[in-house]
C-alpha atoms as a PDB file:
ATOM      1  CA  MET A   1     -52.701  89.611 128.619  1.00  0.00           C
ATOM      2  CA  THR A   2     -49.261  87.732 128.899  1.00  0.00           C
ATOM      3  CA  ASP A   3     -50.382  85.497 125.996  1.00  0.00           C
ATOM      4  CA  THR A   4     -51.141  88.388 123.888  1.00  0.00           C
ATOM      5  CA  ILE A   5     -47.729  89.978 124.526  1.00  0.00           C
ATOM      6  CA  LEU A   6     -46.165  86.711 123.902  1.00  0.00           C
ATOM      7  CA  ALA A   7     -48.099  86.280 120.585  1.00  0.00           C
ATOM      8  CA  MET A   8     -46.898  89.996 119.525  1.00  0.00           C
ATOM      9  CA  LEU A   9     -43.392  89.255 120.122  1.00  0.00           C
ATOM     10  CA  ASP A  10     -43.483  86.460 117.594  1.00  0.00           C
ATOM     11  CA  LEU A  11     -43.563  89.696 115.010  1.00  0.00           C
ATOM     12  CA  GLY A  12     -39.977  90.942 116.345  1.00  0.00           C
ATOM     13  CA  LEU A  13     -39.763  94.403 116.449  1.00  0.00           C
ATOM     14  CA  ALA A  14     -42.684  95.456 114.987  1.00  0.00           C
ATOM     15  CA  GLY A  15     -44.493  93.379 117.945  1.00  0.00           C
ATOM     16  CA  ILE A  16     -42.633  95.077 120.351  1.00  0.00           C
ATOM     17  CA  ALA A  17     -43.503  98.299 119.222  1.00  0.00           C
ATOM     18  CA  CYS A  18     -47.160  97.535 119.008  1.00  0.00           C
ATOM     19  CA  VAL A  19     -47.085  96.760 122.589  1.00  0.00           C
ATOM     20  CA  ALA A  20     -45.197  99.580 123.909  1.00  0.00           C
ATOM     21  CA  LEU A  21     -47.691 101.385 121.666  1.00  0.00           C
ATOM     22  CA  ALA A  22     -50.595 100.113 123.268  1.00  0.00           C
ATOM     23  CA  GLU A  23     -49.053 100.474 126.854  1.00  0.00           C
ATOM     24  CA  LYS A  24     -48.905 104.160 126.402  1.00  0.00           C
ATOM     25  CA  VAL A  25     -52.369 104.428 124.521  1.00  0.00           C
ATOM     26  CA  LEU A  26     -54.290 102.240 127.254  1.00  0.00           C
ATOM     27  CA  PRO A  27     -52.366 101.333 130.511  1.00  0.00           C
ATOM     28  CA  ILE A  28     -54.535  98.334 131.343  1.00  0.00           C
ATOM     29  CA  ALA A  29     -51.709  97.002 132.920  1.00  0.00           C
ATOM     30  CA  PRO A  30     -48.656  99.142 134.912  1.00  0.00           C
ATOM     31  CA  SER A  31     -46.075 100.126 132.562  1.00  0.00           C
ATOM     32  CA  TYR A  32     -42.864  98.985 134.401  1.00  0.00           C
ATOM     33  CA  VAL A  33     -44.673  95.498 133.984  1.00  0.00           C
ATOM     34  CA  VAL A  34     -44.714  95.411 130.776  1.00  0.00           C
ATOM     35  CA  LEU A  35     -41.303  97.285 130.221  1.00  0.00           C
ATOM     36  CA  MET A  36     -39.818  94.342 132.560  1.00  0.00           C
ATOM     37  CA  PHE A  37     -41.506  91.758 130.431  1.00  0.00           C
ATOM     38  CA  LEU A  38     -40.205  93.027 127.409  1.00  0.00           C
ATOM     39  CA  GLY A  39     -36.905  93.086 128.755  1.00  0.00           C
ATOM     40  CA  MET A  40     -36.803  89.793 129.667  1.00  0.00           C
ATOM     41  CA  ALA A  41     -38.306  88.304 126.514  1.00  0.00           C
ATOM     42  CA  ALA A  42     -36.211  90.497 124.234  1.00  0.00           C
ATOM     43  CA  ALA A  43     -32.976  89.028 126.384  1.00  0.00           C
ATOM     44  CA  ALA A  44     -34.261  85.603 125.485  1.00  0.00           C
ATOM     45  CA  ASN A  45     -34.905  86.252 121.921  1.00  0.00           C
ATOM     46  CA  GLY A  46     -31.472  87.971 121.569  1.00  0.00           C
ATOM     47  CA  HIS A  47     -32.323  91.081 121.057  1.00  0.00           C
ATOM     48  CA  ALA A  48     -29.938  94.304 121.582  1.00  0.00           C
ATOM     49  CA  LEU A  49     -30.878  96.404 124.509  1.00  0.00           C
ATOM     50  CA  PRO A  50     -29.904  99.709 122.831  1.00  0.00           C
ATOM     51  CA  VAL A  51     -32.158  98.362 119.880  1.00  0.00           C
ATOM     52  CA  LEU A  52     -35.293  97.747 122.329  1.00  0.00           C
ATOM     53  CA  LEU A  53     -34.718 100.946 123.854  1.00  0.00           C
ATOM     54  CA  LEU A  54     -34.975 102.747 120.861  1.00  0.00           C
ATOM     55  CA  VAL A  55     -37.784 101.044 119.391  1.00  0.00           C
ATOM     56  CA  THR A  56     -40.292 101.195 122.864  1.00  0.00           C
ATOM     57  CA  THR A  57     -39.087 104.750 123.338  1.00  0.00           C
ATOM     58  CA  THR A  58     -40.176 105.635 119.851  1.00  0.00           C
ATOM     59  CA  ALA A  59     -43.447 103.986 120.342  1.00  0.00           C
ATOM     60  CA  SER A  60     -44.244 105.136 123.385  1.00  0.00           C
ATOM     61  CA  THR A  61     -43.890 108.439 122.146  1.00  0.00           C
ATOM     62  CA  LEU A  62     -45.841 107.923 119.549  1.00  0.00           C
ATOM     63  CA  GLY A  63     -48.711 106.982 121.732  1.00  0.00           C
ATOM     64  CA  SER A  64     -48.389 110.101 123.801  1.00  0.00           C
ATOM     65  CA  MET A  65     -48.291 111.916 120.538  1.00  0.00           C
ATOM     66  CA  LEU A  66     -51.898 110.541 119.586  1.00  0.00           C
ATOM     67  CA  TRP A  67     -53.542 111.453 123.163  1.00  0.00           C
ATOM     68  CA  TYR A  68     -51.490 114.708 122.079  1.00  0.00           C
ATOM     69  CA  ALA A  69     -53.818 114.903 118.507  1.00  0.00           C
ATOM     70  CA  ALA A  70     -56.582 114.451 120.240  1.00  0.00           C
ATOM     71  CA  GLY A  71     -56.542 117.320 122.972  1.00  0.00           C
ATOM     72  CA  ARG A  72     -55.674 119.426 120.244  1.00  0.00           C
ATOM     73  CA  LEU A  73     -58.760 118.176 118.102  1.00  0.00           C
ATOM     74  CA  PHE A  74     -61.109 118.428 120.825  1.00  0.00           C
ATOM     75  CA  GLY A  75     -60.130 121.656 122.607  1.00  0.00           C
ATOM     76  CA  PRO A  76     -60.077 122.643 126.142  1.00  0.00           C
ATOM     77  CA  VAL A  77     -63.620 122.689 126.882  1.00  0.00           C
ATOM     78  CA  ARG A  78     -64.619 119.565 124.833  1.00  0.00           C
ATOM     79  CA  ALA A  79     -61.638 117.704 126.433  1.00  0.00           C
ATOM     80  CA  ALA A  80     -62.814 118.432 129.825  1.00  0.00           C
ATOM     81  CA  MET A  81     -66.001 117.495 128.869  1.00  0.00           C
ATOM     82  CA  LEU A  82     -64.986 114.077 127.586  1.00  0.00           C
ATOM     83  CA  VAL A  83     -62.942 113.438 130.464  1.00  0.00           C
ATOM     84  CA  GLU A  84     -65.691 114.039 132.687  1.00  0.00           C
ATOM     85  CA  ARG A  85     -68.143 111.627 130.873  1.00  0.00           C
ATOM     86  CA  PHE A  86     -65.709 109.047 129.713  1.00  0.00           C
ATOM     87  CA  GLY A  87     -62.370 109.253 131.848  1.00  0.00           C
ATOM     88  CA  LYS A  88     -63.406 106.625 134.181  1.00  0.00           C
ATOM     89  CA  HIS A  89     -63.248 104.233 131.455  1.00  0.00           C
ATOM     90  CA  VAL A  90     -59.702 104.880 130.536  1.00  0.00           C
ATOM     91  CA  PHE A  91     -58.330 105.276 134.254  1.00  0.00           C
ATOM     92  CA  LEU A  92     -58.161 109.224 134.004  1.00  0.00           C
ATOM     93  CA  ARG A  93     -60.504 110.813 137.055  1.00  0.00           C
ATOM     94  CA  PRO A  94     -61.818 113.998 136.422  1.00  0.00           C
ATOM     95  CA  GLU A  95     -59.842 115.458 139.414  1.00  0.00           C
ATOM     96  CA  ALA A  96     -57.102 114.049 138.130  1.00  0.00           C
ATOM     97  CA  TYR A  97     -56.891 115.528 134.703  1.00  0.00           C
ATOM     98  CA  ARG A  98     -57.782 118.695 136.480  1.00  0.00           C
ATOM     99  CA  ARG A  99     -54.222 118.672 138.105  1.00  0.00           C
ATOM    100  CA  LEU A 100     -52.739 117.976 134.630  1.00  0.00           C
ATOM    101  CA  VAL A 101     -54.071 120.699 133.566  1.00  0.00           C
ATOM    102  CA  SER A 102     -52.615 122.924 136.363  1.00  0.00           C
ATOM    103  CA  ALA A 103     -49.257 121.411 135.950  1.00  0.00           C
ATOM    104  CA  TYR A 104     -48.744 123.176 132.924  1.00  0.00           C
ATOM    105  CA  GLY A 105     -48.944 126.861 134.282  1.00  0.00           C
ATOM    106  CA  ARG A 106     -45.646 125.951 134.824  1.00  0.00           C
ATOM    107  CA  ASN A 107     -42.153 125.242 132.934  1.00  0.00           C
ATOM    108  CA  THR A 108     -43.886 123.044 129.748  1.00  0.00           C
ATOM    109  CA  PHE A 109     -40.776 121.558 128.825  1.00  0.00           C
ATOM    110  CA  SER A 110     -39.318 120.075 132.262  1.00  0.00           C
ATOM    111  CA  THR A 111     -43.381 119.191 133.023  1.00  0.00           C
ATOM    112  CA  THR A 112     -43.591 117.078 130.657  1.00  0.00           C
ATOM    113  CA  LEU A 113     -40.036 115.701 130.668  1.00  0.00           C
ATOM    114  CA  THR A 114     -40.642 114.949 134.319  1.00  0.00           C
ATOM    115  CA  ALA A 115     -44.501 113.485 133.941  1.00  0.00           C
ATOM    116  CA  GLN A 116     -42.610 110.521 131.741  1.00  0.00           C
ATOM    117  CA  LEU A 117     -41.346 109.142 135.109  1.00  0.00           C
ATOM    118  CA  VAL A 118     -45.042 109.414 136.609  1.00  0.00           C
ATOM    119  CA  PRO A 119     -47.159 106.339 136.185  1.00  0.00           C
ATOM    120  CA  VAL A 120     -50.489 107.584 134.742  1.00  0.00           C
ATOM    121  CA  VAL A 121     -49.607 110.987 134.569  1.00  0.00           C
ATOM    122  CA  ARG A 122     -47.150 109.710 131.498  1.00  0.00           C
ATOM    123  CA  VAL A 123     -49.723 108.681 129.693  1.00  0.00           C
ATOM    124  CA  TYR A 124     -52.671 111.420 129.960  1.00  0.00           C
ATOM    125  CA  LEU A 125     -50.378 114.787 130.628  1.00  0.00           C
ATOM    126  CA  ALA A 126     -50.552 114.413 126.742  1.00  0.00           C
ATOM    127  CA  ILE A 127     -54.266 115.433 126.233  1.00  0.00           C
ATOM    128  CA  PRO A 128     -54.133 118.948 128.135  1.00  0.00           C
ATOM    129  CA  ALA A 129     -50.867 119.567 126.196  1.00  0.00           C
ATOM    130  CA  GLY A 130     -52.525 119.207 122.946  1.00  0.00           C
ATOM    131  CA  ALA A 131     -56.150 120.948 124.215  1.00  0.00           C
ATOM    132  CA  PHE A 132     -54.277 123.999 125.412  1.00  0.00           C
ATOM    133  CA  ARG A 133     -52.235 123.810 121.826  1.00  0.00           C
ATOM    134  CA  LEU A 134     -48.634 123.776 123.481  1.00  0.00           C
ATOM    135  CA  ALA A 135     -45.989 123.350 120.409  1.00  0.00           C
ATOM    136  CA  ALA A 136     -45.609 120.064 119.142  1.00  0.00           C
ATOM    137  CA  MET A 137     -42.045 119.682 118.632  1.00  0.00           C
ATOM    138  CA  PRO A 138     -40.818 120.464 122.210  1.00  0.00           C
ATOM    139  CA  PHE A 139     -43.647 118.110 123.500  1.00  0.00           C
ATOM    140  CA  ALA A 140     -42.391 115.455 120.877  1.00  0.00           C
ATOM    141  CA  ILE A 141     -38.685 116.260 122.512  1.00  0.00           C
ATOM    142  CA  ALA A 142     -39.437 116.534 125.987  1.00  0.00           C
ATOM    143  CA  THR A 143     -41.385 113.028 126.053  1.00  0.00           C
ATOM    144  CA  PHE A 144     -39.144 111.184 124.136  1.00  0.00           C
ATOM    145  CA  LEU A 145     -36.361 112.098 126.579  1.00  0.00           C
ATOM    146  CA  GLY A 146     -38.426 110.978 129.641  1.00  0.00           C
ATOM    147  CA  CYS A 147     -39.769 107.973 128.024  1.00  0.00           C
ATOM    148  CA  ALA A 148     -35.938 107.053 127.149  1.00  0.00           C
ATOM    149  CA  LEU A 149     -35.090 107.439 130.715  1.00  0.00           C
ATOM    150  CA  TRP A 150     -38.120 105.377 132.105  1.00  0.00           C
ATOM    151  CA  ASN A 151     -38.117 102.907 129.830  1.00  0.00           C
ATOM    152  CA  ALA A 152     -33.901 102.236 130.185  1.00  0.00           C
ATOM    153  CA  ILE A 153     -34.820 101.931 133.633  1.00  0.00           C
ATOM    154  CA  PHE A 154     -37.385  98.789 133.289  1.00  0.00           C
ATOM    155  CA  LEU A 155     -35.966  97.388 130.405  1.00  0.00           C
ATOM    156  CA  SER A 156     -32.822  96.739 131.976  1.00  0.00           C
ATOM    157  CA  LEU A 157     -34.328  95.420 134.838  1.00  0.00           C
ATOM    158  CA  GLY A 158     -35.589  92.825 132.865  1.00  0.00           C
ATOM    159  CA  TYR A 159     -32.636  92.058 131.283  1.00  0.00           C
ATOM    160  CA  LEU A 160     -30.591  91.897 133.926  1.00  0.00           C
ATOM    161  CA  ILE A 161     -33.089  89.453 135.534  1.00  0.00           C
ATOM    162  CA  ARG A 162     -33.303  87.154 132.786  1.00  0.00           C
ATOM    163  CA  ASP A 163     -29.412  86.516 133.666  1.00  0.00           C
ATOM    164  CA  THR A 164     -29.796  86.084 137.362  1.00  0.00           C
ATOM    165  CA  GLY A 165     -30.669  82.104 137.090  1.00  0.00           C
ATOM    166  CA  GLN A 166     -33.326  83.074 139.663  1.00  0.00           C
ATOM    167  CA  ASP A 167     -37.356  82.226 139.640  1.00  0.00           C
ATOM    168  CA  LEU A 168     -38.071  85.166 137.215  1.00  0.00           C
ATOM    169  CA  ALA A 169     -41.595  85.311 138.126  1.00  0.00           C
ATOM    170  CA  ASP A 170     -40.783  85.630 141.935  1.00  0.00           C
ATOM    171  CA  LEU A 171     -37.689  88.256 141.461  1.00  0.00           C
ATOM    172  CA  GLY A 172     -40.244  90.225 139.027  1.00  0.00           C
ATOM    173  CA  PHE A 173     -42.860  90.393 141.592  1.00  0.00           C
ATOM    174  CA  ARG A 174     -40.202  91.650 144.816  1.00  0.00           C
ATOM    175  CA  VAL A 175     -38.957  94.363 141.870  1.00  0.00           C
ATOM    176  CA  ILE A 176     -42.871  95.420 141.123  1.00  0.00           C
ATOM    177  CA  VAL A 177     -43.279  95.135 144.971  1.00  0.00           C
ATOM    178  CA  VAL A 178     -40.963  97.765 145.813  1.00  0.00           C
ATOM    179  CA  VAL A 179     -41.485 100.109 142.730  1.00  0.00           C
ATOM    180  CA  LEU A 180     -45.006 100.351 144.133  1.00  0.00           C
ATOM    181  CA  VAL A 181     -43.653 101.032 147.589  1.00  0.00           C
ATOM    182  CA  ILE A 182     -41.396 104.016 146.052  1.00  0.00           C
ATOM    183  CA  GLU A 183     -44.575 104.982 143.615  1.00  0.00           C
ATOM    184  CA  VAL A 184     -46.766 105.056 146.860  1.00  0.00           C
ATOM    185  CA  GLY A 185     -44.221 107.142 148.766  1.00  0.00           C
ATOM    186  CA  CYS A 186     -43.877 109.429 146.438  1.00  0.00           C
ATOM    187  CA  MET A 187     -47.599 110.340 145.823  1.00  0.00           C
ATOM    188  CA  LEU A 188     -48.400 110.997 149.842  1.00  0.00           C
ATOM    189  CA  ALA A 189     -44.966 113.279 149.819  1.00  0.00           C
ATOM    190  CA  MET A 190     -46.785 115.213 147.001  1.00  0.00           C
ATOM    191  CA  ARG A 191     -49.910 115.451 148.509  1.00  0.00           C
ATOM    192  CA  LEU A 192     -48.378 116.255 151.971  1.00  0.00           C
ATOM    193  CA  ARG A 193     -45.845 119.024 150.281  1.00  0.00           C
ATOM    194  CA  ARG A 194     -49.464 120.406 148.488  1.00  0.00           C
ATOM    195  CA  ARG A 195     -51.519 120.685 151.712  1.00  0.00           C
ATOM    196  CA  ARG A 196     -48.669 122.245 153.255  1.00  0.00           C
ATOM    197  CA  VAL A 197     -48.530 124.704 151.047  1.00  0.00           C
ATOM    198  CA  GLU A 198     -52.355 125.271 150.821  1.00  0.00           C
ATOM    199  CA  GLN A 199     -52.222 126.088 154.481  1.00  0.00           C
ATOM    200  CA  ARG A 200     -49.687 128.639 153.762  1.00  0.00           C
ATOM    201  CA  LEU A 201     -51.601 130.260 151.544  1.00  0.00           C
ATOM    202  CA  ALA A 202     -54.602 130.074 153.622  1.00  0.00           C
ATOM    203  CA  VAL A 203     -52.658 131.747 156.492  1.00  0.00           C
ATOM    204  CA  ARG A 204     -51.661 134.673 153.957  1.00  0.00           C
END
């Protein structure tokens, strides 16, 4: 994967855009790993961070809109059937998809924006958004804002790591471990909160 990304970076900003788009369409590697790598590589190639942020955010938003278009094309019933059959091949479990669908029962703009800060969810929330025909423009704006915040965090980390003079692989690994710990902690907190809500409802 690293060799492929390096080959794409030889194409300049167009290659960076392709990497960011691919990461949002099919997350083979965690997005924060890809973005930190892009931040480190871009610093070495002399790309300014604001330009890098704009390019990757635009590409990430486009990737979400592709999933949105797919959901809109298939509709809610066929989209759910396809997830049941093929979801495991793109790291989307059917039960996870059903939770994404239920998430849109609340404020759609804030749900879309905050979802861009949650790994995996940030990729596939666009499918139910399209399947249930949510307004495309508010969805795109919320996605862009969320992607901008997410990308800025990890691009900046990669950008700063490049100038520390420390071993990049070791420092990058430590940052990734910290992110994973935070991610797992957030997931456990969300599950605990959901169980408490279910218990309260059961008591009533």
